[in-house]
Amino acid sequence: MSDRREAPDATSVTLLMRLRANEPDAWHRVVRLYAPLLYSWCGRAGLQGADADDVLQEVFRSASAHFADFRRDRPGDSFRGWLRAIAANAIRLHFRKSGRQVKPSGGTDALMQLHEVADPLSETEEDGEAECDELRRRALELVRGEFEERTWQMFWQTVVEDRPAADVAAELSVSAAAVRMARSRVLRRLRDEFDELIS
């Protein structure tokens, strides 16, 4: 018997569209997807514990309140980049409110020292790729429970482990077509829900 969670049309609306409709469950999934990354950004800025929690709460509150402003009009626009900008502002605001802001001392020497300090939220190409890989991994975790274990194994072994569908089919006593269909179903689910949010 097929797991009803695997119904092909059950999630034809992307997570991005659900966010635009301000569905609470959609925001819950975004928090589960992005919270570890936001904690990482907070940690790089020197925030931990309750301070990081406060910043996270502010980032998601602001993202929810201003989601209509999110656009992907230009090449390179991404949800992650938009959220990074909100996080940078929330972190600066947190430091300003707590009085922990670095006081400038002025002069050319101070300006040169300031330019030498790396922005903790700046992103290299390698950072961006690593962050996207981590988001993809969490997206996999979020959808795994929606599929029967056998379906998941067919997907995992052919996509992640890069094994031929025929080998996986022989091992699991199914047809190669069934393996390809399972792989396609999981990939479609991942693209439908997360593609626009993890690039």
N, C-alpha and C. Protein backbone atom coordinates (compact mmCIF):
# COMPACT_ATOMS: atom_id res chain seq x y z
N MET A 1 0.85 -1.19 0.00
CA MET A 1 0.00 0.00 0.00
C MET A 1 0.89 1.24 0.00
N SER A 2 0.54 2.21 -0.81
CA SER A 2 1.34 3.43 -0.93
C SER A 2 1.10 4.36 0.25
N ASP A 3 2.14 4.98 0.68
CA ASP A 3 2.05 5.95 1.77
C ASP A 3 1.32 7.18 1.24
N ARG A 4 0.25 7.59 1.90
CA ARG A 4 -0.53 8.71 1.38
C ARG A 4 0.26 10.01 1.40
N ARG A 5 1.34 10.07 2.18
CA ARG A 5 2.17 11.27 2.21
C ARG A 5 2.87 11.48 0.88
N GLU A 6 2.92 10.46 0.04
CA GLU A 6 3.62 10.56 -1.23
C GLU A 6 2.70 10.98 -2.39
N ALA A 7 1.49 11.43 -2.08
CA ALA A 7 0.58 11.85 -3.14
C ALA A 7 1.24 12.93 -3.99
N PRO A 8 1.31 12.75 -5.31
CA PRO A 8 2.06 13.66 -6.15
C PRO A 8 1.56 15.09 -6.16
N ASP A 9 0.27 15.33 -5.98
CA ASP A 9 -0.26 16.68 -6.06
C ASP A 9 -0.43 17.32 -4.68
N ALA A 10 -0.01 16.63 -3.63
CA ALA A 10 -0.24 17.13 -2.28
C ALA A 10 0.50 18.42 -2.00
N THR A 11 1.60 18.68 -2.67
CA THR A 11 2.40 19.87 -2.38
C THR A 11 2.80 20.58 -3.65
N SER A 12 1.87 20.83 -4.52
CA SER A 12 2.21 21.47 -5.78
C SER A 12 2.50 22.96 -5.61
N VAL A 13 2.14 23.52 -4.47
CA VAL A 13 2.41 24.93 -4.21
C VAL A 13 3.78 25.04 -3.53
N THR A 14 4.64 25.87 -4.06
CA THR A 14 5.99 25.99 -3.50
C THR A 14 5.94 26.65 -2.13
N LEU A 15 7.00 26.42 -1.38
CA LEU A 15 7.11 27.05 -0.07
C LEU A 15 7.13 28.57 -0.21
N LEU A 16 7.78 29.07 -1.24
CA LEU A 16 7.81 30.51 -1.46
C LEU A 16 6.40 31.07 -1.65
N MET A 17 5.57 30.36 -2.41
CA MET A 17 4.19 30.81 -2.62
C MET A 17 3.41 30.76 -1.30
N ARG A 18 3.68 29.75 -0.48
CA ARG A 18 3.01 29.63 0.81
C ARG A 18 3.46 30.74 1.75
N LEU A 19 4.72 31.15 1.64
CA LEU A 19 5.19 32.29 2.44
C LEU A 19 4.47 33.56 2.01
N ARG A 20 4.32 33.74 0.71
CA ARG A 20 3.62 34.93 0.20
C ARG A 20 2.18 34.97 0.70
N ALA A 21 1.59 33.78 0.91
CA ALA A 21 0.23 33.70 1.45
C ALA A 21 0.24 33.79 2.98
N ASN A 22 1.44 33.94 3.57
CA ASN A 22 1.64 34.08 5.01
C ASN A 22 1.08 32.89 5.80
N GLU A 23 1.29 31.68 5.28
CA GLU A 23 0.85 30.48 5.98
C GLU A 23 1.81 30.20 7.14
N PRO A 24 1.27 30.05 8.36
CA PRO A 24 2.13 29.80 9.52
C PRO A 24 3.02 28.58 9.37
N ASP A 25 2.49 27.49 8.79
CA ASP A 25 3.28 26.28 8.62
C ASP A 25 4.47 26.53 7.69
N ALA A 26 4.29 27.37 6.70
CA ALA A 26 5.38 27.70 5.78
C ALA A 26 6.49 28.43 6.54
N TRP A 27 6.13 29.36 7.39
CA TRP A 27 7.14 30.07 8.17
C TRP A 27 7.84 29.13 9.14
N HIS A 28 7.10 28.19 9.69
CA HIS A 28 7.70 27.20 10.58
C HIS A 28 8.78 26.40 9.83
N ARG A 29 8.50 26.02 8.58
CA ARG A 29 9.48 25.26 7.79
C ARG A 29 10.69 26.13 7.44
N VAL A 30 10.48 27.40 7.16
CA VAL A 30 11.60 28.28 6.87
C VAL A 30 12.48 28.45 8.11
N VAL A 31 11.86 28.56 9.27
CA VAL A 31 12.63 28.67 10.51
C VAL A 31 13.46 27.41 10.70
N ARG A 32 12.86 26.23 10.49
CA ARG A 32 13.61 24.98 10.64
C ARG A 32 14.73 24.88 9.62
N LEU A 33 14.52 25.42 8.44
CA LEU A 33 15.53 25.37 7.39
C LEU A 33 16.68 26.34 7.65
N TYR A 34 16.34 27.56 8.07
CA TYR A 34 17.33 28.63 8.16
C TYR A 34 17.90 28.91 9.54
N ALA A 35 17.25 28.48 10.61
CA ALA A 35 17.74 28.82 11.96
C ALA A 35 19.19 28.42 12.18
N PRO A 36 19.63 27.22 11.80
CA PRO A 36 21.05 26.89 12.03
C PRO A 36 22.00 27.83 11.29
N LEU A 37 21.63 28.25 10.09
CA LEU A 37 22.47 29.18 9.34
C LEU A 37 22.51 30.55 10.04
N LEU A 38 21.37 30.99 10.52
CA LEU A 38 21.32 32.27 11.24
C LEU A 38 22.13 32.21 12.53
N TYR A 39 22.06 31.09 13.24
CA TYR A 39 22.90 30.94 14.43
C TYR A 39 24.38 31.02 14.07
N SER A 40 24.73 30.45 12.93
CA SER A 40 26.11 30.51 12.46
C SER A 40 26.52 31.96 12.21
N TRP A 41 25.66 32.72 11.54
CA TRP A 41 25.96 34.13 11.28
C TRP A 41 26.10 34.90 12.59
N CYS A 42 25.21 34.62 13.54
CA CYS A 42 25.29 35.29 14.84
C CYS A 42 26.60 34.94 15.53
N GLY A 43 26.98 33.69 15.48
CA GLY A 43 28.23 33.26 16.10
C GLY A 43 29.43 33.96 15.50
N ARG A 44 29.44 34.14 14.18
CA ARG A 44 30.55 34.84 13.53
C ARG A 44 30.60 36.30 13.96
N ALA A 45 29.45 36.84 14.33
CA ALA A 45 29.40 38.24 14.78
C ALA A 45 29.65 38.36 16.28
N GLY A 46 29.86 37.21 16.95
CA GLY A 46 30.15 37.24 18.38
C GLY A 46 28.94 37.11 19.28
N LEU A 47 27.81 36.70 18.74
CA LEU A 47 26.59 36.54 19.54
C LEU A 47 26.31 35.07 19.80
N GLN A 48 25.93 34.76 21.02
CA GLN A 48 25.56 33.40 21.37
C GLN A 48 24.42 33.43 22.37
N GLY A 49 23.88 32.27 22.65
CA GLY A 49 22.86 32.13 23.68
C GLY A 49 21.65 33.01 23.45
N ALA A 50 21.23 33.68 24.52
CA ALA A 50 20.02 34.50 24.47
C ALA A 50 20.15 35.64 23.47
N ASP A 51 21.36 36.18 23.31
CA ASP A 51 21.55 37.27 22.34
C ASP A 51 21.27 36.77 20.92
N ALA A 52 21.80 35.59 20.59
CA ALA A 52 21.54 35.02 19.26
C ALA A 52 20.06 34.70 19.10
N ASP A 53 19.44 34.18 20.16
CA ASP A 53 18.00 33.89 20.10
C ASP A 53 17.20 35.16 19.81
N ASP A 54 17.57 36.25 20.48
CA ASP A 54 16.88 37.53 20.26
C ASP A 54 17.02 37.99 18.82
N VAL A 55 18.23 37.88 18.29
CA VAL A 55 18.47 38.29 16.90
C VAL A 55 17.66 37.41 15.95
N LEU A 56 17.66 36.09 16.17
CA LEU A 56 16.88 35.20 15.31
C LEU A 56 15.41 35.58 15.31
N GLN A 57 14.88 35.83 16.49
CA GLN A 57 13.48 36.21 16.59
C GLN A 57 13.21 37.49 15.80
N GLU A 58 14.11 38.45 15.91
CA GLU A 58 13.95 39.71 15.18
C GLU A 58 14.07 39.49 13.67
N VAL A 59 15.00 38.65 13.25
CA VAL A 59 15.17 38.39 11.82
C VAL A 59 13.90 37.79 11.24
N PHE A 60 13.37 36.77 11.88
CA PHE A 60 12.17 36.12 11.34
C PHE A 60 10.94 37.01 11.45
N ARG A 61 10.86 37.83 12.51
CA ARG A 61 9.75 38.77 12.63
C ARG A 61 9.81 39.77 11.48
N SER A 62 10.99 40.31 11.23
CA SER A 62 11.17 41.29 10.18
C SER A 62 10.94 40.66 8.80
N ALA A 63 11.46 39.46 8.59
CA ALA A 63 11.27 38.78 7.30
C ALA A 63 9.79 38.55 7.03
N SER A 64 9.07 38.14 8.06
CA SER A 64 7.63 37.91 7.90
C SER A 64 6.89 39.21 7.61
N ALA A 65 7.24 40.25 8.33
CA ALA A 65 6.56 41.54 8.16
C ALA A 65 6.86 42.19 6.81
N HIS A 66 8.05 41.91 6.26
CA HIS A 66 8.46 42.58 5.02
C HIS A 66 8.64 41.62 3.86
N PHE A 67 8.00 40.46 3.94
CA PHE A 67 8.21 39.46 2.89
C PHE A 67 7.76 39.96 1.52
N ALA A 68 6.78 40.83 1.50
CA ALA A 68 6.32 41.39 0.21
C ALA A 68 7.44 42.15 -0.50
N ASP A 69 8.45 42.59 0.25
CA ASP A 69 9.58 43.32 -0.35
C ASP A 69 10.61 42.40 -1.00
N PHE A 70 10.55 41.09 -0.72
CA PHE A 70 11.53 40.16 -1.28
C PHE A 70 11.31 40.03 -2.78
N ARG A 71 12.38 40.23 -3.52
CA ARG A 71 12.35 40.15 -4.99
C ARG A 71 13.53 39.33 -5.49
N ARG A 72 13.33 38.71 -6.62
CA ARG A 72 14.42 38.01 -7.32
C ARG A 72 14.49 38.58 -8.73
N ASP A 73 14.66 39.88 -8.82
CA ASP A 73 14.64 40.56 -10.10
C ASP A 73 15.97 40.50 -10.84
N ARG A 74 17.07 40.53 -10.10
CA ARG A 74 18.40 40.58 -10.71
C ARG A 74 19.13 39.27 -10.52
N PRO A 75 20.06 38.98 -11.42
CA PRO A 75 20.88 37.77 -11.23
C PRO A 75 21.60 37.88 -9.88
N GLY A 76 21.64 36.79 -9.17
CA GLY A 76 22.29 36.78 -7.86
C GLY A 76 21.34 37.07 -6.71
N ASP A 77 20.14 37.59 -6.98
CA ASP A 77 19.17 37.80 -5.91
C ASP A 77 18.78 36.43 -5.35
N SER A 78 18.78 36.31 -4.04
CA SER A 78 18.38 35.05 -3.42
C SER A 78 17.71 35.31 -2.08
N PHE A 79 16.91 34.37 -1.66
CA PHE A 79 16.27 34.47 -0.36
C PHE A 79 17.33 34.50 0.73
N ARG A 80 18.37 33.66 0.59
CA ARG A 80 19.45 33.60 1.57
C ARG A 80 20.15 34.96 1.67
N GLY A 81 20.40 35.61 0.54
CA GLY A 81 21.03 36.92 0.55
C GLY A 81 20.15 37.97 1.20
N TRP A 82 18.86 37.90 0.92
CA TRP A 82 17.90 38.84 1.51
C TRP A 82 17.85 38.64 3.03
N LEU A 83 17.82 37.37 3.46
CA LEU A 83 17.80 37.08 4.88
C LEU A 83 19.12 37.49 5.53
N ARG A 84 20.23 37.35 4.83
CA ARG A 84 21.54 37.77 5.35
C ARG A 84 21.53 39.27 5.62
N ALA A 85 20.95 40.06 4.72
CA ALA A 85 20.89 41.51 4.91
C ALA A 85 20.04 41.86 6.13
N ILE A 86 18.92 41.16 6.29
CA ILE A 86 18.08 41.39 7.47
C ILE A 86 18.85 41.02 8.74
N ALA A 87 19.57 39.90 8.69
CA ALA A 87 20.35 39.47 9.85
C ALA A 87 21.44 40.48 10.19
N ALA A 88 22.12 41.00 9.18
CA ALA A 88 23.18 41.99 9.43
C ALA A 88 22.60 43.22 10.11
N ASN A 89 21.44 43.67 9.65
CA ASN A 89 20.79 44.83 10.28
C ASN A 89 20.36 44.51 11.71
N ALA A 90 19.82 43.31 11.93
CA ALA A 90 19.38 42.92 13.27
C ALA A 90 20.57 42.81 14.23
N ILE A 91 21.69 42.32 13.73
CA ILE A 91 22.89 42.21 14.57
C ILE A 91 23.42 43.59 14.92
N ARG A 92 23.47 44.49 13.93
CA ARG A 92 23.92 45.86 14.22
C ARG A 92 23.00 46.54 15.23
N LEU A 93 21.70 46.36 15.06
CA LEU A 93 20.73 46.94 15.98
C LEU A 93 20.91 46.36 17.39
N HIS A 94 21.16 45.07 17.47
CA HIS A 94 21.38 44.44 18.77
C HIS A 94 22.59 45.06 19.48
N PHE A 95 23.69 45.21 18.75
CA PHE A 95 24.89 45.80 19.35
C PHE A 95 24.65 47.26 19.75
N ARG A 96 23.91 47.97 18.91
CA ARG A 96 23.62 49.38 19.23
C ARG A 96 22.80 49.47 20.51
N LYS A 97 21.77 48.63 20.63
CA LYS A 97 20.91 48.66 21.81
C LYS A 97 21.64 48.21 23.07
N SER A 98 22.55 47.27 22.92
CA SER A 98 23.24 46.75 24.10
C SER A 98 24.45 47.59 24.49
N GLY A 99 24.77 48.59 23.67
CA GLY A 99 25.90 49.46 23.97
C GLY A 99 27.24 48.81 23.71
N ARG A 100 27.24 47.69 22.97
CA ARG A 100 28.48 46.98 22.70
C ARG A 100 29.09 47.39 21.37
N GLN A 101 28.56 48.43 20.79
CA GLN A 101 29.06 48.90 19.50
C GLN A 101 30.48 49.45 19.65
N VAL A 102 31.33 49.13 18.72
CA VAL A 102 32.70 49.63 18.75
C VAL A 102 32.67 51.13 18.52
N LYS A 103 33.32 51.83 19.40
CA LYS A 103 33.36 53.29 19.28
C LYS A 103 34.51 53.70 18.36
N PRO A 104 34.22 54.45 17.30
CA PRO A 104 35.29 54.87 16.41
C PRO A 104 36.19 55.90 17.09
N SER A 105 37.48 55.80 16.81
CA SER A 105 38.41 56.74 17.43
C SER A 105 38.83 57.82 16.45
N GLY A 106 38.48 57.68 15.20
CA GLY A 106 38.77 58.71 14.21
C GLY A 106 40.18 58.65 13.66
N GLY A 107 40.41 59.44 12.64
CA GLY A 107 41.74 59.52 12.05
C GLY A 107 41.98 58.47 10.98
N THR A 108 43.05 58.68 10.22
CA THR A 108 43.41 57.79 9.12
C THR A 108 43.77 56.41 9.61
N ASP A 109 44.54 56.34 10.73
CA ASP A 109 44.94 55.03 11.26
C ASP A 109 43.71 54.21 11.64
N ALA A 110 42.76 54.84 12.29
CA ALA A 110 41.54 54.13 12.70
C ALA A 110 40.78 53.65 11.48
N LEU A 111 40.69 54.49 10.44
CA LEU A 111 40.00 54.11 9.23
C LEU A 111 40.69 52.91 8.57
N MET A 112 42.00 52.91 8.53
CA MET A 112 42.73 51.79 7.93
C MET A 112 42.52 50.52 8.75
N GLN A 113 42.49 50.63 10.07
CA GLN A 113 42.24 49.46 10.91
C GLN A 113 40.83 48.93 10.66
N LEU A 114 39.88 49.83 10.52
CA LEU A 114 38.50 49.43 10.27
C LEU A 114 38.39 48.66 8.96
N HIS A 115 39.11 49.09 7.93
CA HIS A 115 39.06 48.41 6.64
C HIS A 115 39.71 47.03 6.70
N GLU A 116 40.60 46.81 7.66
CA GLU A 116 41.26 45.53 7.79
C GLU A 116 40.40 44.49 8.50
N VAL A 117 39.39 44.94 9.24
CA VAL A 117 38.52 44.03 9.96
C VAL A 117 37.49 43.46 8.99
N ALA A 118 37.45 42.14 8.91
CA ALA A 118 36.50 41.49 8.00
C ALA A 118 35.08 41.60 8.56
N ASP A 119 34.15 41.85 7.68
CA ASP A 119 32.75 41.85 8.06
C ASP A 119 32.36 40.40 8.36
N PRO A 120 31.89 40.11 9.57
CA PRO A 120 31.59 38.71 9.91
C PRO A 120 30.48 38.11 9.05
N LEU A 121 29.68 38.93 8.42
CA LEU A 121 28.62 38.40 7.58
C LEU A 121 28.93 38.52 6.09
N SER A 122 30.16 38.95 5.76
CA SER A 122 30.50 38.98 4.34
C SER A 122 30.60 37.54 3.85
N GLU A 123 30.43 37.36 2.57
CA GLU A 123 30.35 36.01 2.03
C GLU A 123 31.34 35.82 0.89
N THR A 124 32.15 34.79 0.98
CA THR A 124 32.98 34.41 -0.15
C THR A 124 32.18 33.43 -0.99
N GLU A 125 32.65 33.16 -2.18
CA GLU A 125 31.96 32.20 -3.04
C GLU A 125 31.92 30.83 -2.36
N GLU A 126 33.02 30.47 -1.69
CA GLU A 126 33.07 29.18 -0.99
C GLU A 126 32.07 29.14 0.16
N ASP A 127 31.96 30.26 0.90
CA ASP A 127 30.97 30.33 1.99
C ASP A 127 29.56 30.11 1.43
N GLY A 128 29.27 30.79 0.33
CA GLY A 128 27.94 30.69 -0.26
C GLY A 128 27.62 29.27 -0.69
N GLU A 129 28.59 28.59 -1.30
CA GLU A 129 28.37 27.20 -1.72
C GLU A 129 28.18 26.30 -0.51
N ALA A 130 28.99 26.50 0.52
CA ALA A 130 28.87 25.68 1.73
C ALA A 130 27.51 25.91 2.40
N GLU A 131 27.06 27.16 2.43
CA GLU A 131 25.76 27.46 3.02
C GLU A 131 24.64 26.82 2.22
N CYS A 132 24.72 26.90 0.89
CA CYS A 132 23.69 26.28 0.05
C CYS A 132 23.69 24.76 0.23
N ASP A 133 24.87 24.15 0.33
CA ASP A 133 24.94 22.71 0.57
C ASP A 133 24.27 22.35 1.89
N GLU A 134 24.52 23.16 2.92
CA GLU A 134 23.92 22.91 4.22
C GLU A 134 22.40 23.08 4.16
N LEU A 135 21.93 24.08 3.44
CA LEU A 135 20.49 24.27 3.29
C LEU A 135 19.86 23.10 2.54
N ARG A 136 20.54 22.59 1.52
CA ARG A 136 20.03 21.43 0.78
C ARG A 136 19.94 20.21 1.70
N ARG A 137 20.96 20.04 2.54
CA ARG A 137 20.96 18.91 3.47
C ARG A 137 19.77 19.01 4.43
N ARG A 138 19.51 20.22 4.94
CA ARG A 138 18.37 20.39 5.85
C ARG A 138 17.05 20.22 5.10
N ALA A 139 16.99 20.67 3.86
CA ALA A 139 15.77 20.47 3.06
C ALA A 139 15.51 18.97 2.89
N LEU A 140 16.57 18.20 2.66
CA LEU A 140 16.41 16.75 2.58
C LEU A 140 15.83 16.20 3.87
N GLU A 141 16.35 16.65 5.00
CA GLU A 141 15.86 16.18 6.29
C GLU A 141 14.38 16.53 6.47
N LEU A 142 13.99 17.72 6.01
CA LEU A 142 12.60 18.16 6.19
C LEU A 142 11.62 17.34 5.36
N VAL A 143 12.03 16.85 4.20
CA VAL A 143 11.09 16.10 3.37
C VAL A 143 11.21 14.59 3.54
N ARG A 144 12.25 14.13 4.18
CA ARG A 144 12.46 12.68 4.29
C ARG A 144 11.25 11.97 4.90
N GLY A 145 10.68 12.52 5.93
CA GLY A 145 9.53 11.89 6.59
C GLY A 145 8.28 11.82 5.74
N GLU A 146 8.29 12.47 4.60
CA GLU A 146 7.11 12.46 3.73
C GLU A 146 7.10 11.26 2.79
N PHE A 147 8.15 10.45 2.82
CA PHE A 147 8.27 9.33 1.89
C PHE A 147 8.50 8.03 2.66
N GLU A 148 8.01 6.95 2.06
CA GLU A 148 8.29 5.63 2.62
C GLU A 148 9.79 5.39 2.57
N GLU A 149 10.28 4.61 3.50
CA GLU A 149 11.71 4.34 3.57
C GLU A 149 12.25 3.75 2.27
N ARG A 150 11.52 2.88 1.64
CA ARG A 150 11.97 2.25 0.39
C ARG A 150 12.13 3.29 -0.72
N THR A 151 11.15 4.19 -0.82
CA THR A 151 11.23 5.27 -1.81
C THR A 151 12.45 6.14 -1.54
N TRP A 152 12.64 6.47 -0.26
CA TRP A 152 13.77 7.30 0.12
C TRP A 152 15.09 6.62 -0.25
N GLN A 153 15.20 5.32 0.00
CA GLN A 153 16.43 4.60 -0.30
C GLN A 153 16.71 4.58 -1.80
N MET A 154 15.67 4.44 -2.61
CA MET A 154 15.86 4.47 -4.07
C MET A 154 16.40 5.83 -4.50
N PHE A 155 15.82 6.89 -3.94
CA PHE A 155 16.31 8.25 -4.23
C PHE A 155 17.75 8.42 -3.75
N TRP A 156 17.99 8.10 -2.48
CA TRP A 156 19.30 8.34 -1.86
C TRP A 156 20.42 7.61 -2.59
N GLN A 157 20.17 6.36 -2.89
CA GLN A 157 21.22 5.56 -3.51
C GLN A 157 21.52 5.99 -4.94
N THR A 158 20.52 6.47 -5.66
CA THR A 158 20.78 6.89 -7.04
C THR A 158 21.27 8.33 -7.15
N VAL A 159 20.83 9.20 -6.26
CA VAL A 159 21.20 10.61 -6.35
C VAL A 159 22.42 10.93 -5.49
N VAL A 160 22.37 10.60 -4.22
CA VAL A 160 23.44 10.96 -3.31
C VAL A 160 24.64 10.02 -3.47
N GLU A 161 24.36 8.72 -3.52
CA GLU A 161 25.45 7.75 -3.66
C GLU A 161 25.83 7.52 -5.13
N ASP A 162 25.06 8.07 -6.05
CA ASP A 162 25.34 8.01 -7.49
C ASP A 162 25.46 6.57 -8.01
N ARG A 163 24.59 5.73 -7.53
CA ARG A 163 24.58 4.34 -8.00
C ARG A 163 23.63 4.23 -9.19
N PRO A 164 23.91 3.33 -10.13
CA PRO A 164 23.00 3.13 -11.27
C PRO A 164 21.65 2.60 -10.81
N ALA A 165 20.59 3.07 -11.46
CA ALA A 165 19.23 2.65 -11.11
C ALA A 165 19.08 1.13 -11.22
N ALA A 166 19.72 0.52 -12.20
CA ALA A 166 19.61 -0.93 -12.38
C ALA A 166 20.19 -1.68 -11.18
N ASP A 167 21.31 -1.21 -10.64
CA ASP A 167 21.92 -1.86 -9.47
C ASP A 167 21.02 -1.73 -8.25
N VAL A 168 20.47 -0.55 -8.03
CA VAL A 168 19.58 -0.32 -6.89
C VAL A 168 18.32 -1.17 -7.05
N ALA A 169 17.80 -1.23 -8.26
CA ALA A 169 16.60 -2.02 -8.52
C ALA A 169 16.83 -3.49 -8.21
N ALA A 170 17.97 -4.02 -8.64
CA ALA A 170 18.28 -5.43 -8.38
C ALA A 170 18.40 -5.69 -6.88
N GLU A 171 19.03 -4.77 -6.17
CA GLU A 171 19.22 -4.92 -4.72
C GLU A 171 17.90 -4.87 -3.96
N LEU A 172 16.98 -4.03 -4.44
CA LEU A 172 15.70 -3.84 -3.74
C LEU A 172 14.56 -4.66 -4.33
N SER A 173 14.86 -5.48 -5.33
CA SER A 173 13.86 -6.34 -6.00
C SER A 173 12.70 -5.54 -6.57
N VAL A 174 13.04 -4.46 -7.27
CA VAL A 174 12.04 -3.66 -7.98
C VAL A 174 12.57 -3.41 -9.38
N SER A 175 11.74 -2.81 -10.21
CA SER A 175 12.20 -2.50 -11.57
C SER A 175 13.03 -1.22 -11.57
N ALA A 176 13.88 -1.08 -12.56
CA ALA A 176 14.67 0.15 -12.71
C ALA A 176 13.74 1.34 -12.92
N ALA A 177 12.60 1.11 -13.59
CA ALA A 177 11.63 2.18 -13.79
C ALA A 177 11.07 2.67 -12.45
N ALA A 178 10.83 1.74 -11.52
CA ALA A 178 10.33 2.12 -10.20
C ALA A 178 11.37 2.96 -9.46
N VAL A 179 12.63 2.62 -9.61
CA VAL A 179 13.70 3.39 -8.97
C VAL A 179 13.74 4.79 -9.56
N ARG A 180 13.69 4.89 -10.88
CA ARG A 180 13.72 6.21 -11.52
C ARG A 180 12.50 7.04 -11.12
N MET A 181 11.35 6.41 -11.00
CA MET A 181 10.13 7.11 -10.60
C MET A 181 10.26 7.62 -9.16
N ALA A 182 10.79 6.80 -8.27
CA ALA A 182 10.97 7.22 -6.88
C ALA A 182 11.94 8.39 -6.80
N ARG A 183 13.05 8.29 -7.53
CA ARG A 183 14.04 9.36 -7.56
C ARG A 183 13.40 10.65 -8.06
N SER A 184 12.64 10.54 -9.12
CA SER A 184 11.99 11.71 -9.70
C SER A 184 10.99 12.33 -8.73
N ARG A 185 10.24 11.49 -8.03
CA ARG A 185 9.23 12.00 -7.09
C ARG A 185 9.89 12.80 -5.96
N VAL A 186 10.96 12.29 -5.40
CA VAL A 186 11.63 13.01 -4.30
C VAL A 186 12.27 14.29 -4.83
N LEU A 187 12.94 14.22 -5.97
CA LEU A 187 13.57 15.43 -6.54
C LEU A 187 12.53 16.50 -6.85
N ARG A 188 11.39 16.08 -7.40
CA ARG A 188 10.32 17.04 -7.72
C ARG A 188 9.82 17.71 -6.44
N ARG A 189 9.67 16.90 -5.38
CA ARG A 189 9.20 17.44 -4.10
C ARG A 189 10.18 18.48 -3.56
N LEU A 190 11.46 18.17 -3.63
CA LEU A 190 12.49 19.10 -3.17
C LEU A 190 12.46 20.39 -3.98
N ARG A 191 12.37 20.27 -5.30
CA ARG A 191 12.33 21.46 -6.15
C ARG A 191 11.08 22.27 -5.89
N ASP A 192 9.93 21.58 -5.79
CA ASP A 192 8.67 22.29 -5.57
C ASP A 192 8.71 23.14 -4.32
N GLU A 193 9.21 22.57 -3.26
CA GLU A 193 9.14 23.30 -1.99
C GLU A 193 10.31 24.24 -1.76
N PHE A 194 11.52 23.83 -2.09
CA PHE A 194 12.68 24.56 -1.61
C PHE A 194 13.55 25.23 -2.67
N ASP A 195 13.37 24.93 -3.92
CA ASP A 195 14.32 25.38 -4.95
C ASP A 195 14.58 26.87 -4.91
N GLU A 196 13.54 27.67 -4.77
CA GLU A 196 13.72 29.12 -4.79
C GLU A 196 14.30 29.66 -3.48
N LEU A 197 14.35 28.84 -2.45
CA LEU A 197 14.77 29.32 -1.14
C LEU A 197 16.17 28.87 -0.74
N ILE A 198 16.79 28.01 -1.53
CA ILE A 198 18.11 27.53 -1.11
C ILE A 198 19.20 27.81 -2.12
N SER A 199 18.96 28.69 -3.05
CA SER A 199 20.00 29.01 -4.03
C SER A 199 20.82 30.19 -3.57
